[in-house]
Amino acid sequence: MTNKELLYIEDALMHENFMKSCATKAATQLTDVNLSTYMGELAQKHNEIFNKFLNLL
């Protein structure tokens, strides 16, 4: 894997980790049950994408 490809994967990992943490934080702070549940599912989806990028290494 080239250095440029590794930098891309690192950037994607950081992005997915940030999105997961934002969605998790929102899920805990929302009072609407449906919206909170959706944000929890979104956090899980970003965690799955994070793990897929991590498996490329």
PDB file of N, CA and C in Angstrom:
ATOM      1  N   MET A   1       0.841  -1.164   0.000  1.00  0.00           N
ATOM      2  CA  MET A   1       0.000   0.000   0.000  1.00  0.00           C
ATOM      3  C   MET A   1       0.899   1.243   0.000  1.00  0.00           C
ATOM      4  N   THR A   2       0.540   2.204  -0.822  1.00  0.00           N
ATOM      5  CA  THR A   2       1.355   3.411  -0.925  1.00  0.00           C
ATOM      6  C   THR A   2       1.094   4.340   0.259  1.00  0.00           C
ATOM      7  N   ASN A   3       1.997   5.288   0.422  1.00  0.00           N
ATOM      8  CA  ASN A   3       1.858   6.262   1.503  1.00  0.00           C
ATOM      9  C   ASN A   3       0.574   7.082   1.335  1.00  0.00           C
ATOM     10  N   LYS A   4       0.242   7.422   0.099  1.00  0.00           N
ATOM     11  CA  LYS A   4      -0.970   8.198  -0.173  1.00  0.00           C
ATOM     12  C   LYS A   4      -2.218   7.407   0.209  1.00  0.00           C
ATOM     13  N   GLU A   5      -2.223   6.121  -0.080  1.00  0.00           N
ATOM     14  CA  GLU A   5      -3.365   5.272   0.278  1.00  0.00           C
ATOM     15  C   GLU A   5      -3.497   5.146   1.796  1.00  0.00           C
ATOM     16  N   LEU A   6      -2.374   5.030   2.481  1.00  0.00           N
ATOM     17  CA  LEU A   6      -2.407   4.952   3.944  1.00  0.00           C
ATOM     18  C   LEU A   6      -2.935   6.245   4.553  1.00  0.00           C
ATOM     19  N   LEU A   7      -2.548   7.383   3.977  1.00  0.00           N
ATOM     20  CA  LEU A   7      -3.050   8.666   4.463  1.00  0.00           C
ATOM     21  C   LEU A   7      -4.559   8.775   4.249  1.00  0.00           C
ATOM     22  N   TYR A   8      -5.039   8.263   3.118  1.00  0.00           N
ATOM     23  CA  TYR A   8      -6.473   8.279   2.852  1.00  0.00           C
ATOM     24  C   TYR A   8      -7.214   7.427   3.882  1.00  0.00           C
ATOM     25  N   ILE A   9      -6.708   6.254   4.173  1.00  0.00           N
ATOM     26  CA  ILE A   9      -7.355   5.371   5.146  1.00  0.00           C
ATOM     27  C   ILE A   9      -7.328   5.996   6.536  1.00  0.00           C
ATOM     28  N   GLU A  10      -6.201   6.624   6.884  1.00  0.00           N
ATOM     29  CA  GLU A  10      -6.109   7.288   8.184  1.00  0.00           C
ATOM     30  C   GLU A  10      -7.145   8.409   8.282  1.00  0.00           C
ATOM     31  N   ASP A  11      -7.294   9.186   7.233  1.00  0.00           N
ATOM     32  CA  ASP A  11      -8.276  10.268   7.216  1.00  0.00           C
ATOM     33  C   ASP A  11      -9.694   9.710   7.331  1.00  0.00           C
ATOM     34  N   ALA A  12      -9.966   8.641   6.609  1.00  0.00           N
ATOM     35  CA  ALA A  12     -11.295   8.017   6.663  1.00  0.00           C
ATOM     36  C   ALA A  12     -11.577   7.461   8.055  1.00  0.00           C
ATOM     37  N   LEU A  13     -10.580   6.865   8.698  1.00  0.00           N
ATOM     38  CA  LEU A  13     -10.746   6.344  10.061  1.00  0.00           C
ATOM     39  C   LEU A  13     -11.066   7.473  11.033  1.00  0.00           C
ATOM     40  N   MET A  14     -10.346   8.580  10.909  1.00  0.00           N
ATOM     41  CA  MET A  14     -10.584   9.713  11.799  1.00  0.00           C
ATOM     42  C   MET A  14     -11.987  10.285  11.575  1.00  0.00           C
ATOM     43  N   HIS A  15     -12.402  10.357  10.325  1.00  0.00           N
ATOM     44  CA  HIS A  15     -13.733  10.867  10.005  1.00  0.00           C
ATOM     45  C   HIS A  15     -14.819   9.968  10.600  1.00  0.00           C
ATOM     46  N   GLU A  16     -14.697   8.679  10.389  1.00  0.00           N
ATOM     47  CA  GLU A  16     -15.711   7.749  10.895  1.00  0.00           C
ATOM     48  C   GLU A  16     -15.752   7.745  12.425  1.00  0.00           C
ATOM     49  N   ASN A  17     -14.599   7.848  13.056  1.00  0.00           N
ATOM     50  CA  ASN A  17     -14.555   7.896  14.516  1.00  0.00           C
ATOM     51  C   ASN A  17     -15.251   9.161  15.026  1.00  0.00           C
ATOM     52  N   PHE A  18     -15.017  10.281  14.341  1.00  0.00           N
ATOM     53  CA  PHE A  18     -15.666  11.533  14.716  1.00  0.00           C
ATOM     54  C   PHE A  18     -17.178  11.440  14.543  1.00  0.00           C
ATOM     55  N   MET A  19     -17.619  10.894  13.423  1.00  0.00           N
ATOM     56  CA  MET A  19     -19.052  10.772  13.173  1.00  0.00           C
ATOM     57  C   MET A  19     -19.709   9.842  14.199  1.00  0.00           C
ATOM     58  N   LYS A  20     -19.016   8.761  14.546  1.00  0.00           N
ATOM     59  CA  LYS A  20     -19.548   7.835  15.548  1.00  0.00           C
ATOM     60  C   LYS A  20     -19.697   8.524  16.895  1.00  0.00           C
ATOM     61  N   SER A  21     -18.685   9.288  17.291  1.00  0.00           N
ATOM     62  CA  SER A  21     -18.746   9.951  18.600  1.00  0.00           C
ATOM     63  C   SER A  21     -19.828  11.033  18.617  1.00  0.00           C
ATOM     64  N   CYS A  22     -19.997  11.756  17.518  1.00  0.00           N
ATOM     65  CA  CYS A  22     -21.058  12.774  17.441  1.00  0.00           C
ATOM     66  C   CYS A  22     -22.436  12.134  17.536  1.00  0.00           C
ATOM     67  N   ALA A  23     -22.633  11.046  16.814  1.00  0.00           N
ATOM     68  CA  ALA A  23     -23.932  10.370  16.823  1.00  0.00           C
ATOM     69  C   ALA A  23     -24.218   9.769  18.199  1.00  0.00           C
ATOM     70  N   THR A  24     -23.201   9.213  18.835  1.00  0.00           N
ATOM     71  CA  THR A  24     -23.374   8.634  20.169  1.00  0.00           C
ATOM     72  C   THR A  24     -23.737   9.718  21.181  1.00  0.00           C
ATOM     73  N   LYS A  25     -23.043  10.834  21.112  1.00  0.00           N
ATOM     74  CA  LYS A  25     -23.324  11.953  22.028  1.00  0.00           C
ATOM     75  C   LYS A  25     -24.742  12.471  21.810  1.00  0.00           C
ATOM     76  N   ALA A  26     -25.135  12.634  20.552  1.00  0.00           N
ATOM     77  CA  ALA A  26     -26.483  13.114  20.249  1.00  0.00           C
ATOM     78  C   ALA A  26     -27.535  12.137  20.757  1.00  0.00           C
ATOM     79  N   ALA A  27     -27.281  10.846  20.597  1.00  0.00           N
ATOM     80  CA  ALA A  27     -28.245   9.831  21.032  1.00  0.00           C
ATOM     81  C   ALA A  27     -28.486   9.896  22.539  1.00  0.00           C
ATOM     82  N   THR A  28     -27.442  10.223  23.292  1.00  0.00           N
ATOM     83  CA  THR A  28     -27.613  10.280  24.748  1.00  0.00           C
ATOM     84  C   THR A  28     -28.279  11.581  25.196  1.00  0.00           C
ATOM     85  N   GLN A  29     -28.192  12.623  24.381  1.00  0.00           N
ATOM     86  CA  GLN A  29     -28.730  13.921  24.785  1.00  0.00           C
ATOM     87  C   GLN A  29     -30.146  14.185  24.278  1.00  0.00           C
ATOM     88  N   LEU A  30     -30.583  13.463  23.269  1.00  0.00           N
ATOM     89  CA  LEU A  30     -31.911  13.708  22.695  1.00  0.00           C
ATOM     90  C   LEU A  30     -33.008  13.169  23.602  1.00  0.00           C
ATOM     91  N   THR A  31     -34.106  13.899  23.662  1.00  0.00           N
ATOM     92  CA  THR A  31     -35.235  13.444  24.477  1.00  0.00           C
ATOM     93  C   THR A  31     -36.265  12.686  23.643  1.00  0.00           C
ATOM     94  N   ASP A  32     -36.289  12.923  22.336  1.00  0.00           N
ATOM     95  CA  ASP A  32     -37.193  12.201  21.446  1.00  0.00           C
ATOM     96  C   ASP A  32     -36.681  10.778  21.282  1.00  0.00           C
ATOM     97  N   VAL A  33     -37.486   9.811  21.661  1.00  0.00           N
ATOM     98  CA  VAL A  33     -37.066   8.411  21.669  1.00  0.00           C
ATOM     99  C   VAL A  33     -36.731   7.913  20.266  1.00  0.00           C
ATOM    100  N   ASN A  34     -37.567   8.235  19.292  1.00  0.00           N
ATOM    101  CA  ASN A  34     -37.320   7.768  17.924  1.00  0.00           C
ATOM    102  C   ASN A  34     -36.037   8.356  17.358  1.00  0.00           C
ATOM    103  N   LEU A  35     -35.827   9.625  17.577  1.00  0.00           N
ATOM    104  CA  LEU A  35     -34.623  10.280  17.076  1.00  0.00           C
ATOM    105  C   LEU A  35     -33.387   9.763  17.791  1.00  0.00           C
ATOM    106  N   SER A  36     -33.502   9.552  19.079  1.00  0.00           N
ATOM    107  CA  SER A  36     -32.387   9.006  19.852  1.00  0.00           C
ATOM    108  C   SER A  36     -32.017   7.602  19.370  1.00  0.00           C
ATOM    109  N   THR A  37     -33.023   6.792  19.091  1.00  0.00           N
ATOM    110  CA  THR A  37     -32.792   5.447  18.578  1.00  0.00           C
ATOM    111  C   THR A  37     -32.113   5.493  17.218  1.00  0.00           C
ATOM    112  N   TYR A  38     -32.594   6.398  16.362  1.00  0.00           N
ATOM    113  CA  TYR A  38     -31.993   6.542  15.041  1.00  0.00           C
ATOM    114  C   TYR A  38     -30.523   6.943  15.145  1.00  0.00           C
ATOM    115  N   MET A  39     -30.212   7.887  16.033  1.00  0.00           N
ATOM    116  CA  MET A  39     -28.827   8.325  16.192  1.00  0.00           C
ATOM    117  C   MET A  39     -27.959   7.183  16.732  1.00  0.00           C
ATOM    118  N   GLY A  40     -28.509   6.342  17.584  1.00  0.00           N
ATOM    119  CA  GLY A  40     -27.783   5.172  18.056  1.00  0.00           C
ATOM    120  C   GLY A  40     -27.476   4.211  16.922  1.00  0.00           C
ATOM    121  N   GLU A  41     -28.450   4.019  16.036  1.00  0.00           N
ATOM    122  CA  GLU A  41     -28.238   3.158  14.870  1.00  0.00           C
ATOM    123  C   GLU A  41     -27.201   3.762  13.927  1.00  0.00           C
ATOM    124  N   LEU A  42     -27.244   5.075  13.785  1.00  0.00           N
ATOM    125  CA  LEU A  42     -26.265   5.770  12.948  1.00  0.00           C
ATOM    126  C   LEU A  42     -24.854   5.624  13.520  1.00  0.00           C
ATOM    127  N   ALA A  43     -24.736   5.709  14.840  1.00  0.00           N
ATOM    128  CA  ALA A  43     -23.433   5.515  15.495  1.00  0.00           C
ATOM    129  C   ALA A  43     -22.915   4.105  15.229  1.00  0.00           C
ATOM    130  N   GLN A  44     -23.800   3.121  15.292  1.00  0.00           N
ATOM    131  CA  GLN A  44     -23.410   1.736  15.027  1.00  0.00           C
ATOM    132  C   GLN A  44     -22.950   1.568  13.581  1.00  0.00           C
ATOM    133  N   LYS A  45     -23.649   2.214  12.648  1.00  0.00           N
ATOM    134  CA  LYS A  45     -23.285   2.132  11.235  1.00  0.00           C
ATOM    135  C   LYS A  45     -21.894   2.737  11.002  1.00  0.00           C
ATOM    136  N   HIS A  46     -21.606   3.869  11.630  1.00  0.00           N
ATOM    137  CA  HIS A  46     -20.290   4.482  11.484  1.00  0.00           C
ATOM    138  C   HIS A  46     -19.209   3.614  12.137  1.00  0.00           C
ATOM    139  N   ASN A  47     -19.568   2.910  13.195  1.00  0.00           N
ATOM    140  CA  ASN A  47     -18.617   1.993  13.821  1.00  0.00           C
ATOM    141  C   ASN A  47     -18.290   0.832  12.876  1.00  0.00           C
ATOM    142  N   GLU A  48     -19.299   0.330  12.172  1.00  0.00           N
ATOM    143  CA  GLU A  48     -19.083  -0.746  11.203  1.00  0.00           C
ATOM    144  C   GLU A  48     -18.178  -0.278  10.064  1.00  0.00           C
ATOM    145  N   ILE A  49     -18.425   0.931   9.578  1.00  0.00           N
ATOM    146  CA  ILE A  49     -17.592   1.471   8.496  1.00  0.00           C
ATOM    147  C   ILE A  49     -16.164   1.670   8.986  1.00  0.00           C
ATOM    148  N   PHE A  50     -16.005   2.158  10.217  1.00  0.00           N
ATOM    149  CA  PHE A  50     -14.694   2.320  10.830  1.00  0.00           C
ATOM    150  C   PHE A  50     -13.945   0.978  10.830  1.00  0.00           C
ATOM    151  N   ASN A  51     -14.630  -0.057  11.250  1.00  0.00           N
ATOM    152  CA  ASN A  51     -14.001  -1.386  11.323  1.00  0.00           C
ATOM    153  C   ASN A  51     -13.640  -1.912   9.939  1.00  0.00           C
ATOM    154  N   LYS A  52     -14.432  -1.600   8.919  1.00  0.00           N
ATOM    155  CA  LYS A  52     -14.110  -2.030   7.559  1.00  0.00           C
ATOM    156  C   LYS A  52     -12.832  -1.356   7.072  1.00  0.00           C
ATOM    157  N   PHE A  53     -12.707  -0.048   7.335  1.00  0.00           N
ATOM    158  CA  PHE A  53     -11.479   0.649   6.960  1.00  0.00           C
ATOM    159  C   PHE A  53     -10.283   0.105   7.735  1.00  0.00           C
ATOM    160  N   LEU A  54     -10.492  -0.190   9.016  1.00  0.00           N
ATOM    161  CA  LEU A  54      -9.407  -0.715   9.849  1.00  0.00           C
ATOM    162  C   LEU A  54      -8.934  -2.071   9.338  1.00  0.00           C
ATOM    163  N   ASN A  55      -9.839  -2.867   8.815  1.00  0.00           N
ATOM    164  CA  ASN A  55      -9.488  -4.184   8.302  1.00  0.00           C
ATOM    165  C   ASN A  55      -8.674  -4.110   7.010  1.00  0.00           C
ATOM    166  N   LEU A  56      -8.675  -2.950   6.365  1.00  0.00           N
ATOM    167  CA  LEU A  56      -7.852  -2.798   5.170  1.00  0.00           C
ATOM    168  C   LEU A  56      -6.354  -2.805   5.502  1.00  0.00           C
ATOM    169  N   LEU A  57      -6.054  -2.456   6.735  1.00  0.00           N
ATOM    170  CA  LEU A  57      -4.648  -2.372   7.126  1.00  0.00           C
ATOM    171  C   LEU A  57      -4.134  -3.719   7.457  1.00  0.00           C
TER     172      LEU A  57
END
